[in-house]
């Protein structure tokens, strides 16, 4: 579909562009593409993902059990701790779509971001901190285990983090999730869930 609308945009270029994206943008981009798929395409892709995920099933089994256990998740509350943030990222990646109670625990933890930033003076542009928070909230705001309302709140938190990083960055134009990919001979491409017309600016945030 993309190639038909913009013939000079080649698949290899898209693959190369995607491989260079930071994780938050990769997640957002893929979720946007899935929203554009028809039901039969989604079922097929689901089968492909199931086969790929099976390869790591045993190595991730223990982590998956913890990721879906509210009691285990309840101990991961200190967002200022890099180890805790790493465990939360793993938990979000392995959280089952039907585990609402576990998602509720994660939601309560993630919605303390205001106090974390204001009370602890967490600097989002120091090291990998900002990227970790962007990935956390990008994953959470797209995760099916969260309710629609929870996703809205998490999306607002994500926007707040993006704004803080953009306002404190030495080069705001290159802040994560604001990058625009340009391909030779084609118009600038910005991804969206609602529009895929050639020549139309698109935005998934």
N, C-alpha and C. Protein backbone atom coordinates (compact mmCIF):
# COMPACT_ATOMS: atom_id res chain seq x y z
N UNK A 1 0.83 -1.20 0.00
CA UNK A 1 0.00 0.00 0.00
C UNK A 1 0.87 1.25 0.00
N UNK A 2 1.86 1.27 0.90
CA UNK A 2 2.74 2.45 0.96
C UNK A 2 3.50 2.61 -0.34
N UNK A 3 3.99 1.47 -0.89
CA UNK A 3 4.78 1.56 -2.12
C UNK A 3 3.92 2.04 -3.29
N UNK A 4 2.63 1.66 -3.33
CA UNK A 4 1.75 2.08 -4.41
C UNK A 4 1.52 3.58 -4.36
N UNK A 5 1.40 4.11 -3.13
CA UNK A 5 1.12 5.53 -3.00
C UNK A 5 2.37 6.38 -3.19
N UNK A 6 3.50 5.79 -2.97
CA UNK A 6 4.75 6.52 -3.15
C UNK A 6 5.77 5.54 -3.74
N UNK A 7 5.74 5.33 -5.06
CA UNK A 7 6.51 4.28 -5.72
C UNK A 7 8.00 4.31 -5.41
N UNK A 8 8.55 5.50 -5.20
CA UNK A 8 10.00 5.61 -5.01
C UNK A 8 10.42 5.31 -3.58
N UNK A 9 9.42 5.09 -2.72
CA UNK A 9 9.73 4.68 -1.35
C UNK A 9 9.87 3.17 -1.34
N UNK A 10 11.08 2.69 -1.23
CA UNK A 10 11.35 1.27 -1.33
C UNK A 10 11.33 0.60 0.05
N UNK A 11 10.98 -0.69 0.03
CA UNK A 11 10.90 -1.42 1.29
C UNK A 11 12.23 -1.44 2.04
N UNK A 12 13.32 -1.58 1.32
CA UNK A 12 14.63 -1.61 1.98
C UNK A 12 14.88 -0.31 2.74
N UNK A 13 14.42 0.79 2.17
CA UNK A 13 14.58 2.07 2.84
C UNK A 13 13.76 2.13 4.12
N UNK A 14 12.56 1.56 4.07
CA UNK A 14 11.71 1.53 5.26
C UNK A 14 12.33 0.64 6.34
N UNK A 15 12.82 -0.52 5.92
CA UNK A 15 13.46 -1.42 6.87
C UNK A 15 14.66 -0.75 7.53
N UNK A 16 15.46 -0.08 6.72
CA UNK A 16 16.66 0.59 7.24
C UNK A 16 16.26 1.71 8.20
N UNK A 17 15.26 2.48 7.81
CA UNK A 17 14.76 3.57 8.66
C UNK A 17 14.25 3.02 9.99
N UNK A 18 13.46 1.94 9.93
CA UNK A 18 12.89 1.36 11.14
C UNK A 18 13.98 0.81 12.06
N UNK A 19 14.99 0.17 11.48
CA UNK A 19 16.05 -0.43 12.29
C UNK A 19 16.85 0.61 13.06
N UNK A 20 16.83 1.86 12.61
CA UNK A 20 17.58 2.92 13.26
C UNK A 20 16.76 3.71 14.28
N UNK A 21 15.47 3.41 14.38
CA UNK A 21 14.61 4.13 15.32
C UNK A 21 14.90 3.68 16.76
N UNK A 22 14.75 4.59 17.72
CA UNK A 22 14.82 4.18 19.13
C UNK A 22 13.58 3.36 19.49
N UNK A 23 13.66 2.59 20.55
CA UNK A 23 12.58 1.67 20.91
C UNK A 23 11.20 2.33 21.05
N UNK A 24 11.07 3.51 21.69
CA UNK A 24 9.74 4.09 21.80
C UNK A 24 9.09 4.33 20.45
N UNK A 25 9.85 4.81 19.48
CA UNK A 25 9.30 5.06 18.15
C UNK A 25 8.97 3.76 17.42
N UNK A 26 9.77 2.73 17.63
CA UNK A 26 9.51 1.44 17.00
C UNK A 26 8.17 0.87 17.49
N UNK A 27 7.96 0.96 18.81
CA UNK A 27 6.71 0.46 19.39
C UNK A 27 5.52 1.25 18.87
N UNK A 28 5.65 2.57 18.88
CA UNK A 28 4.55 3.43 18.43
C UNK A 28 4.23 3.19 16.96
N UNK A 29 5.27 3.06 16.16
CA UNK A 29 5.10 2.82 14.72
C UNK A 29 4.38 1.50 14.46
N UNK A 30 4.81 0.44 15.13
CA UNK A 30 4.22 -0.88 14.91
C UNK A 30 2.77 -0.92 15.39
N UNK A 31 2.49 -0.29 16.52
CA UNK A 31 1.10 -0.24 17.00
C UNK A 31 0.21 0.51 16.02
N UNK A 32 0.76 1.57 15.43
CA UNK A 32 0.00 2.31 14.42
C UNK A 32 -0.29 1.47 13.19
N UNK A 33 0.69 0.69 12.75
CA UNK A 33 0.49 -0.19 11.60
C UNK A 33 -0.56 -1.26 11.90
N UNK A 34 -0.52 -1.82 13.10
CA UNK A 34 -1.49 -2.86 13.47
C UNK A 34 -2.91 -2.31 13.47
N UNK A 35 -3.05 -1.06 13.88
CA UNK A 35 -4.38 -0.44 13.87
C UNK A 35 -4.93 -0.29 12.45
N UNK A 36 -4.04 -0.29 11.47
CA UNK A 36 -4.46 -0.13 10.08
C UNK A 36 -4.76 -1.48 9.40
N UNK A 37 -4.45 -2.58 10.07
CA UNK A 37 -4.65 -3.91 9.47
C UNK A 37 -6.11 -4.35 9.59
N UNK A 38 -6.54 -5.14 8.62
CA UNK A 38 -7.88 -5.73 8.67
C UNK A 38 -7.84 -6.99 9.53
N UNK A 39 -9.00 -7.49 10.01
CA UNK A 39 -9.02 -8.64 10.93
C UNK A 39 -8.24 -9.86 10.45
N UNK A 40 -8.37 -10.24 9.18
CA UNK A 40 -7.66 -11.42 8.70
C UNK A 40 -6.14 -11.21 8.71
N UNK A 41 -5.71 -10.00 8.41
CA UNK A 41 -4.28 -9.70 8.47
C UNK A 41 -3.78 -9.80 9.91
N UNK A 42 -4.59 -9.32 10.85
CA UNK A 42 -4.20 -9.38 12.26
C UNK A 42 -4.09 -10.83 12.74
N UNK A 43 -5.03 -11.68 12.31
CA UNK A 43 -4.97 -13.09 12.71
C UNK A 43 -3.72 -13.76 12.15
N UNK A 44 -3.39 -13.43 10.91
CA UNK A 44 -2.18 -13.99 10.30
C UNK A 44 -0.93 -13.51 11.04
N UNK A 45 -0.87 -12.22 11.29
CA UNK A 45 0.28 -11.67 12.01
C UNK A 45 0.38 -12.24 13.42
N UNK A 46 -0.78 -12.48 14.04
CA UNK A 46 -0.80 -13.09 15.36
C UNK A 46 -0.17 -14.47 15.35
N UNK A 47 -0.46 -15.25 14.29
CA UNK A 47 0.13 -16.59 14.16
C UNK A 47 1.65 -16.49 13.99
N UNK A 48 2.09 -15.52 13.20
CA UNK A 48 3.54 -15.33 12.99
C UNK A 48 4.23 -14.94 14.30
N UNK A 49 3.60 -14.04 15.04
CA UNK A 49 4.18 -13.60 16.32
C UNK A 49 4.20 -14.74 17.33
N UNK A 50 3.13 -15.54 17.33
CA UNK A 50 3.08 -16.67 18.25
C UNK A 50 4.23 -17.65 17.98
N UNK A 51 4.51 -17.88 16.71
CA UNK A 51 5.60 -18.79 16.35
C UNK A 51 6.95 -18.23 16.76
N UNK A 52 7.15 -16.93 16.53
CA UNK A 52 8.41 -16.29 16.91
C UNK A 52 8.59 -16.26 18.42
N UNK A 53 7.50 -15.98 19.15
CA UNK A 53 7.58 -15.88 20.60
C UNK A 53 7.84 -17.23 21.25
N UNK A 54 7.41 -18.31 20.57
CA UNK A 54 7.58 -19.65 21.13
C UNK A 54 9.06 -19.99 21.34
N UNK A 55 9.93 -19.40 20.55
CA UNK A 55 11.35 -19.71 20.64
C UNK A 55 11.95 -19.28 21.98
N UNK A 56 11.38 -18.23 22.57
CA UNK A 56 11.90 -17.71 23.84
C UNK A 56 10.99 -18.03 25.01
N UNK A 57 10.01 -18.89 24.80
CA UNK A 57 9.00 -19.14 25.83
C UNK A 57 9.63 -19.61 27.14
N UNK A 58 10.48 -20.62 27.08
CA UNK A 58 11.04 -21.20 28.30
C UNK A 58 11.99 -20.25 29.02
N UNK A 59 12.78 -19.51 28.27
CA UNK A 59 13.74 -18.59 28.90
C UNK A 59 13.05 -17.41 29.58
N UNK A 60 11.85 -17.08 29.11
CA UNK A 60 11.13 -15.93 29.67
C UNK A 60 9.98 -16.35 30.60
N UNK A 61 9.81 -17.65 30.80
CA UNK A 61 8.65 -18.15 31.55
C UNK A 61 8.59 -17.58 32.96
N UNK A 62 9.70 -17.63 33.70
CA UNK A 62 9.70 -17.12 35.08
C UNK A 62 9.40 -15.63 35.12
N UNK A 63 9.99 -14.89 34.20
CA UNK A 63 9.75 -13.45 34.14
C UNK A 63 8.30 -13.16 33.78
N UNK A 64 7.71 -13.98 32.93
CA UNK A 64 6.32 -13.78 32.53
C UNK A 64 5.37 -14.00 33.70
N UNK A 65 5.67 -15.00 34.53
CA UNK A 65 4.84 -15.26 35.70
C UNK A 65 4.86 -14.06 36.64
N UNK A 66 6.04 -13.50 36.87
CA UNK A 66 6.18 -12.33 37.74
C UNK A 66 5.49 -11.11 37.13
N UNK A 67 5.58 -10.98 35.80
CA UNK A 67 4.99 -9.83 35.12
C UNK A 67 3.48 -9.81 35.21
N UNK A 68 2.87 -10.96 35.46
CA UNK A 68 1.42 -11.04 35.54
C UNK A 68 0.92 -11.31 36.96
N UNK A 69 1.81 -11.17 37.92
CA UNK A 69 1.48 -11.37 39.32
C UNK A 69 1.41 -10.01 40.03
N UNK A 70 0.23 -9.54 40.43
CA UNK A 70 0.10 -8.24 41.08
C UNK A 70 0.99 -8.09 42.30
N UNK A 71 1.19 -9.18 43.06
CA UNK A 71 2.02 -9.10 44.27
C UNK A 71 3.47 -8.78 43.92
N UNK A 72 3.99 -9.41 42.86
CA UNK A 72 5.36 -9.13 42.43
C UNK A 72 5.49 -7.71 41.89
N UNK A 73 4.49 -7.29 41.13
CA UNK A 73 4.53 -5.95 40.54
C UNK A 73 4.40 -4.87 41.60
N UNK A 74 3.75 -5.21 42.72
CA UNK A 74 3.55 -4.23 43.77
C UNK A 74 4.83 -3.75 44.42
N UNK A 75 5.91 -4.51 44.25
CA UNK A 75 7.19 -4.11 44.84
C UNK A 75 8.01 -3.21 43.92
N UNK A 76 7.54 -3.03 42.68
CA UNK A 76 8.27 -2.21 41.71
C UNK A 76 7.68 -0.81 41.66
N UNK A 77 7.95 -0.03 42.69
CA UNK A 77 7.32 1.29 42.80
C UNK A 77 8.29 2.46 42.69
N UNK A 78 9.58 2.19 42.87
CA UNK A 78 10.56 3.29 42.90
C UNK A 78 11.04 3.61 41.48
N UNK A 79 10.37 4.53 40.83
CA UNK A 79 10.70 4.87 39.45
C UNK A 79 12.03 5.60 39.32
N UNK A 80 12.59 6.04 40.44
CA UNK A 80 13.90 6.70 40.37
C UNK A 80 15.03 5.67 40.27
N UNK A 81 14.72 4.41 40.50
CA UNK A 81 15.71 3.33 40.46
C UNK A 81 15.78 2.74 39.06
N UNK A 82 16.96 2.78 38.47
CA UNK A 82 17.14 2.27 37.11
C UNK A 82 16.81 0.78 37.00
N UNK A 83 17.13 0.02 38.04
CA UNK A 83 16.83 -1.42 38.04
C UNK A 83 15.33 -1.65 38.02
N UNK A 84 14.60 -0.87 38.81
CA UNK A 84 13.14 -0.98 38.85
C UNK A 84 12.55 -0.64 37.49
N UNK A 85 13.06 0.41 36.87
CA UNK A 85 12.53 0.78 35.55
C UNK A 85 12.78 -0.33 34.53
N UNK A 86 13.94 -0.97 34.63
CA UNK A 86 14.25 -2.08 33.74
C UNK A 86 13.27 -3.23 33.94
N UNK A 87 12.96 -3.54 35.20
CA UNK A 87 12.03 -4.62 35.50
C UNK A 87 10.61 -4.26 35.04
N UNK A 88 10.25 -3.00 35.14
CA UNK A 88 8.93 -2.57 34.67
C UNK A 88 8.81 -2.70 33.16
N UNK A 89 9.88 -2.41 32.45
CA UNK A 89 9.87 -2.56 30.99
C UNK A 89 9.68 -4.03 30.61
N UNK A 90 10.38 -4.92 31.31
CA UNK A 90 10.22 -6.35 31.06
C UNK A 90 8.79 -6.78 31.39
N UNK A 91 8.25 -6.27 32.48
CA UNK A 91 6.90 -6.63 32.90
C UNK A 91 5.87 -6.18 31.87
N UNK A 92 6.02 -5.00 31.35
CA UNK A 92 5.09 -4.50 30.32
C UNK A 92 5.17 -5.34 29.05
N UNK A 93 6.39 -5.75 28.71
CA UNK A 93 6.57 -6.55 27.50
C UNK A 93 5.93 -7.93 27.64
N UNK A 94 5.88 -8.47 28.87
CA UNK A 94 5.39 -9.83 29.09
C UNK A 94 3.99 -9.86 29.71
N UNK A 95 3.41 -8.70 29.97
CA UNK A 95 2.07 -8.63 30.56
C UNK A 95 1.01 -9.13 29.58
N UNK A 96 0.18 -10.06 30.04
CA UNK A 96 -0.88 -10.60 29.19
C UNK A 96 -2.00 -9.59 28.99
N UNK A 97 -2.65 -9.65 27.85
CA UNK A 97 -3.68 -8.67 27.52
C UNK A 97 -4.92 -8.75 28.41
N UNK A 98 -5.13 -9.89 29.08
CA UNK A 98 -6.32 -10.07 29.91
C UNK A 98 -6.05 -9.84 31.40
N UNK A 99 -4.83 -9.51 31.76
CA UNK A 99 -4.47 -9.37 33.17
C UNK A 99 -4.72 -7.94 33.65
N UNK A 100 -5.99 -7.63 33.88
CA UNK A 100 -6.39 -6.28 34.27
C UNK A 100 -5.88 -5.88 35.65
N UNK A 101 -5.89 -6.86 36.58
CA UNK A 101 -5.46 -6.54 37.94
C UNK A 101 -3.98 -6.16 37.95
N UNK A 102 -3.17 -6.92 37.24
CA UNK A 102 -1.74 -6.61 37.16
C UNK A 102 -1.53 -5.26 36.48
N UNK A 103 -2.32 -4.99 35.44
CA UNK A 103 -2.23 -3.70 34.75
C UNK A 103 -2.60 -2.56 35.68
N UNK A 104 -3.57 -2.81 36.59
CA UNK A 104 -3.96 -1.78 37.55
C UNK A 104 -2.83 -1.43 38.49
N UNK A 105 -2.06 -2.43 38.90
CA UNK A 105 -0.90 -2.18 39.77
C UNK A 105 0.13 -1.34 39.04
N UNK A 106 0.41 -1.69 37.80
CA UNK A 106 1.37 -0.93 37.00
C UNK A 106 0.87 0.50 36.77
N UNK A 107 -0.42 0.63 36.54
CA UNK A 107 -1.00 1.96 36.30
C UNK A 107 -0.79 2.86 37.50
N UNK A 108 -1.05 2.33 38.70
CA UNK A 108 -0.87 3.15 39.91
C UNK A 108 0.59 3.55 40.10
N UNK A 109 1.50 2.68 39.73
CA UNK A 109 2.93 3.01 39.84
C UNK A 109 3.32 4.10 38.84
N UNK A 110 2.88 3.94 37.59
CA UNK A 110 3.30 4.86 36.54
C UNK A 110 2.68 6.24 36.68
N UNK A 111 1.52 6.33 37.31
CA UNK A 111 0.87 7.64 37.43
C UNK A 111 1.42 8.46 38.60
N UNK A 112 2.52 8.01 39.19
CA UNK A 112 3.22 8.79 40.20
C UNK A 112 4.37 9.59 39.58
N UNK A 113 4.38 9.67 38.27
CA UNK A 113 5.49 10.31 37.58
C UNK A 113 5.65 11.78 37.97
N UNK A 114 4.53 12.48 38.25
CA UNK A 114 4.62 13.89 38.64
C UNK A 114 5.44 14.06 39.91
N UNK A 115 5.12 13.26 40.93
CA UNK A 115 5.84 13.38 42.19
C UNK A 115 7.30 12.95 42.04
N UNK A 116 7.54 11.98 41.17
CA UNK A 116 8.91 11.51 40.94
C UNK A 116 9.76 12.63 40.37
N UNK A 117 9.22 13.33 39.38
CA UNK A 117 9.96 14.40 38.72
C UNK A 117 10.09 15.63 39.63
N UNK A 118 8.97 16.01 40.27
CA UNK A 118 8.96 17.24 41.06
C UNK A 118 9.61 17.08 42.43
N UNK A 119 9.34 15.96 43.10
CA UNK A 119 9.84 15.77 44.47
C UNK A 119 11.27 15.25 44.52
N UNK A 120 11.63 14.45 43.53
CA UNK A 120 12.97 13.87 43.54
C UNK A 120 13.92 14.56 42.56
N UNK A 121 13.37 15.49 41.79
CA UNK A 121 14.21 16.24 40.86
C UNK A 121 14.84 15.36 39.79
N UNK A 122 14.12 14.34 39.36
CA UNK A 122 14.64 13.42 38.36
C UNK A 122 14.88 14.16 37.04
N UNK A 123 16.08 14.06 36.52
CA UNK A 123 16.45 14.73 35.28
C UNK A 123 16.26 13.77 34.10
N UNK A 124 15.27 14.03 33.29
CA UNK A 124 14.94 13.12 32.20
C UNK A 124 15.99 13.09 31.10
N UNK A 125 16.81 14.13 31.02
CA UNK A 125 17.81 14.17 29.96
C UNK A 125 19.18 13.66 30.42
N UNK A 126 19.22 13.04 31.58
CA UNK A 126 20.47 12.48 32.07
C UNK A 126 20.56 11.00 31.69
N UNK A 127 21.61 10.65 30.97
CA UNK A 127 21.82 9.26 30.59
C UNK A 127 20.65 8.68 29.81
N UNK A 128 20.24 7.48 30.21
CA UNK A 128 19.15 6.79 29.52
C UNK A 128 17.80 7.01 30.18
N UNK A 129 17.75 7.85 31.20
CA UNK A 129 16.53 8.02 31.98
C UNK A 129 15.34 8.42 31.11
N UNK A 130 15.52 9.44 30.29
CA UNK A 130 14.41 9.91 29.45
C UNK A 130 13.94 8.84 28.48
N UNK A 131 14.87 8.15 27.85
CA UNK A 131 14.50 7.09 26.91
C UNK A 131 13.73 5.98 27.60
N UNK A 132 14.13 5.64 28.83
CA UNK A 132 13.44 4.59 29.57
C UNK A 132 12.01 5.00 29.90
N UNK A 133 11.82 6.25 30.30
CA UNK A 133 10.47 6.73 30.61
C UNK A 133 9.62 6.81 29.34
N UNK A 134 10.21 7.25 28.25
CA UNK A 134 9.47 7.29 26.99
C UNK A 134 9.00 5.90 26.59
N UNK A 135 9.88 4.93 26.72
CA UNK A 135 9.52 3.56 26.35
C UNK A 135 8.47 3.00 27.30
N UNK A 136 8.62 3.25 28.59
CA UNK A 136 7.65 2.78 29.57
C UNK A 136 6.24 3.26 29.24
N UNK A 137 6.12 4.56 29.01
CA UNK A 137 4.79 5.13 28.81
C UNK A 137 4.26 4.89 27.40
N UNK A 138 5.15 4.72 26.43
CA UNK A 138 4.70 4.35 25.09
C UNK A 138 4.11 2.94 25.10
N UNK A 139 4.81 2.01 25.75
CA UNK A 139 4.32 0.64 25.85
C UNK A 139 3.01 0.59 26.63
N UNK A 140 2.97 1.27 27.77
CA UNK A 140 1.78 1.22 28.62
C UNK A 140 0.56 1.84 27.94
N UNK A 141 0.76 2.96 27.27
CA UNK A 141 -0.38 3.65 26.65
C UNK A 141 -0.91 2.93 25.41
N UNK A 142 -0.18 1.92 24.95
CA UNK A 142 -0.63 1.12 23.81
C UNK A 142 -1.01 -0.31 24.22
N UNK A 143 -0.81 -0.65 25.49
CA UNK A 143 -1.00 -2.04 25.92
C UNK A 143 -2.49 -2.37 26.10
N UNK A 144 -2.95 -3.48 25.54
CA UNK A 144 -4.37 -3.84 25.63
C UNK A 144 -4.85 -4.23 27.02
N UNK A 145 -3.93 -4.48 27.96
CA UNK A 145 -4.35 -4.84 29.31
C UNK A 145 -4.91 -3.65 30.08
N UNK A 146 -4.58 -2.44 29.63
CA UNK A 146 -5.08 -1.23 30.28
C UNK A 146 -6.42 -0.82 29.68
N UNK A 147 -7.26 -0.24 30.51
CA UNK A 147 -8.56 0.23 30.03
C UNK A 147 -8.38 1.48 29.17
N UNK A 148 -9.44 1.85 28.48
CA UNK A 148 -9.38 3.04 27.62
C UNK A 148 -9.03 4.28 28.44
N UNK A 149 -9.66 4.42 29.60
CA UNK A 149 -9.37 5.57 30.46
C UNK A 149 -7.92 5.57 30.92
N UNK A 150 -7.44 4.39 31.33
CA UNK A 150 -6.05 4.30 31.77
C UNK A 150 -5.08 4.67 30.65
N UNK A 151 -5.38 4.23 29.44
CA UNK A 151 -4.53 4.58 28.30
C UNK A 151 -4.52 6.08 28.06
N UNK A 152 -5.68 6.71 28.22
CA UNK A 152 -5.74 8.16 28.04
C UNK A 152 -4.85 8.88 29.05
N UNK A 153 -4.93 8.45 30.31
CA UNK A 153 -4.11 9.06 31.36
C UNK A 153 -2.63 8.83 31.07
N UNK A 154 -2.27 7.62 30.68
CA UNK A 154 -0.88 7.29 30.39
C UNK A 154 -0.37 8.06 29.17
N UNK A 155 -1.25 8.28 28.20
CA UNK A 155 -0.87 9.07 27.03
C UNK A 155 -0.60 10.51 27.42
N UNK A 156 -1.39 11.04 28.34
CA UNK A 156 -1.16 12.40 28.83
C UNK A 156 0.18 12.50 29.57
N UNK A 157 0.49 11.45 30.34
CA UNK A 157 1.77 11.42 31.04
C UNK A 157 2.93 11.36 30.03
N UNK A 158 2.74 10.57 28.97
CA UNK A 158 3.76 10.47 27.93
C UNK A 158 3.99 11.82 27.27
N UNK A 159 2.91 12.51 26.98
CA UNK A 159 3.02 13.84 26.37
C UNK A 159 3.77 14.80 27.29
N UNK A 160 3.49 14.72 28.59
CA UNK A 160 4.17 15.58 29.56
C UNK A 160 5.67 15.30 29.56
N UNK A 161 6.03 14.03 29.53
CA UNK A 161 7.45 13.66 29.51
C UNK A 161 8.12 14.17 28.24
N UNK A 162 7.43 14.02 27.11
CA UNK A 162 7.98 14.51 25.84
C UNK A 162 8.20 16.02 25.89
N UNK A 163 7.24 16.74 26.47
CA UNK A 163 7.35 18.20 26.55
C UNK A 163 8.50 18.62 27.46
N UNK A 164 8.67 17.90 28.57
CA UNK A 164 9.77 18.22 29.50
C UNK A 164 11.10 17.98 28.81
N UNK A 165 11.21 16.86 28.11
CA UNK A 165 12.46 16.55 27.43
C UNK A 165 12.75 17.53 26.31
N UNK A 166 11.70 17.93 25.59
CA UNK A 166 11.89 18.88 24.50
C UNK A 166 12.31 20.25 25.02
N UNK A 167 11.75 20.66 26.16
CA UNK A 167 12.04 21.99 26.70
C UNK A 167 13.42 22.06 27.34
N UNK A 168 13.96 20.92 27.78
CA UNK A 168 15.26 20.91 28.45
C UNK A 168 16.37 20.37 27.57
N UNK A 169 16.00 19.89 26.39
CA UNK A 169 17.00 19.32 25.49
C UNK A 169 17.81 20.42 24.82
N UNK A 170 19.10 20.14 24.58
CA UNK A 170 19.95 21.10 23.87
C UNK A 170 19.57 21.17 22.41
N UNK A 171 18.92 20.11 21.93
CA UNK A 171 18.49 20.07 20.53
C UNK A 171 17.10 19.47 20.46
N UNK A 172 16.06 20.25 20.85
CA UNK A 172 14.71 19.75 20.94
C UNK A 172 14.18 19.15 19.65
N UNK A 173 14.68 19.62 18.52
CA UNK A 173 14.15 19.14 17.24
C UNK A 173 14.43 17.67 17.02
N UNK A 174 15.39 17.11 17.78
CA UNK A 174 15.71 15.70 17.60
C UNK A 174 15.20 14.85 18.75
N UNK A 175 14.35 15.40 19.59
CA UNK A 175 13.84 14.63 20.72
C UNK A 175 13.03 13.45 20.23
N UNK A 176 12.99 12.39 21.06
CA UNK A 176 12.34 11.15 20.67
C UNK A 176 10.87 11.36 20.37
N UNK A 177 10.36 10.60 19.41
CA UNK A 177 8.98 10.61 18.96
C UNK A 177 8.60 11.88 18.20
N UNK A 178 9.56 12.76 17.92
CA UNK A 178 9.27 13.95 17.12
C UNK A 178 10.01 13.93 15.80
N UNK A 179 10.78 12.87 15.57
CA UNK A 179 11.58 12.80 14.35
C UNK A 179 10.71 12.57 13.13
N UNK A 180 11.10 13.14 12.00
CA UNK A 180 10.39 12.94 10.74
C UNK A 180 11.35 12.33 9.75
N UNK A 181 10.97 11.20 9.19
CA UNK A 181 11.84 10.51 8.23
C UNK A 181 11.59 11.07 6.83
N UNK A 182 12.67 11.38 6.13
CA UNK A 182 12.55 11.90 4.78
C UNK A 182 13.24 10.95 3.81
N UNK A 183 12.54 10.56 2.75
CA UNK A 183 13.09 9.65 1.77
C UNK A 183 13.31 10.38 0.46
N UNK A 184 14.40 10.05 -0.25
CA UNK A 184 14.71 10.73 -1.51
C UNK A 184 13.55 10.63 -2.49
N UNK A 185 13.17 11.78 -3.02
CA UNK A 185 12.14 11.79 -4.05
C UNK A 185 10.73 11.71 -3.53
N UNK A 186 10.55 11.61 -2.22
CA UNK A 186 9.21 11.48 -1.65
C UNK A 186 8.96 12.61 -0.67
N UNK A 187 7.68 12.82 -0.36
CA UNK A 187 7.33 13.80 0.65
C UNK A 187 7.74 13.27 2.01
N UNK A 188 7.78 14.14 3.01
CA UNK A 188 8.10 13.69 4.36
C UNK A 188 6.99 12.78 4.87
N UNK A 189 7.40 11.72 5.57
CA UNK A 189 6.46 10.74 6.07
C UNK A 189 6.35 10.86 7.58
N UNK A 190 5.13 11.05 8.09
CA UNK A 190 4.87 10.95 9.53
C UNK A 190 3.75 9.95 9.68
N UNK A 191 3.90 9.02 10.62
CA UNK A 191 2.97 7.91 10.74
C UNK A 191 1.72 8.31 11.51
N UNK A 192 0.58 7.77 11.10
CA UNK A 192 -0.67 8.02 11.81
C UNK A 192 -1.54 6.80 11.85
N UNK A 193 -2.48 6.76 12.77
CA UNK A 193 -3.44 5.68 12.82
C UNK A 193 -4.67 5.99 11.98
N UNK A 194 -4.83 7.23 11.56
CA UNK A 194 -6.08 7.61 10.91
C UNK A 194 -5.94 8.06 9.47
N UNK A 195 -4.74 8.21 8.98
CA UNK A 195 -4.57 8.74 7.63
C UNK A 195 -3.38 8.11 6.94
N UNK A 196 -3.55 7.70 5.70
CA UNK A 196 -2.44 7.11 4.94
C UNK A 196 -2.53 7.56 3.49
N UNK A 197 -2.73 8.84 3.27
CA UNK A 197 -2.82 9.38 1.92
C UNK A 197 -1.52 10.05 1.54
N UNK A 198 -1.06 9.83 0.33
CA UNK A 198 0.16 10.43 -0.15
C UNK A 198 0.06 11.96 -0.11
N UNK A 199 1.13 12.58 0.41
CA UNK A 199 1.17 14.03 0.47
C UNK A 199 0.52 14.60 1.70
N UNK A 200 -0.05 13.75 2.59
CA UNK A 200 -0.73 14.23 3.79
C UNK A 200 0.16 14.03 4.99
N UNK A 201 0.44 15.08 5.79
CA UNK A 201 1.24 14.91 7.00
C UNK A 201 0.51 14.00 7.96
N UNK A 202 1.24 13.07 8.56
CA UNK A 202 0.64 12.10 9.45
C UNK A 202 1.27 12.18 10.82
N UNK A 203 0.49 11.89 11.86
CA UNK A 203 1.01 12.00 13.22
C UNK A 203 0.34 10.97 14.12
N UNK A 204 1.14 10.13 14.77
CA UNK A 204 0.56 9.10 15.62
C UNK A 204 0.51 9.48 17.09
N UNK A 205 1.02 10.62 17.47
CA UNK A 205 0.99 10.96 18.88
C UNK A 205 -0.34 11.58 19.25
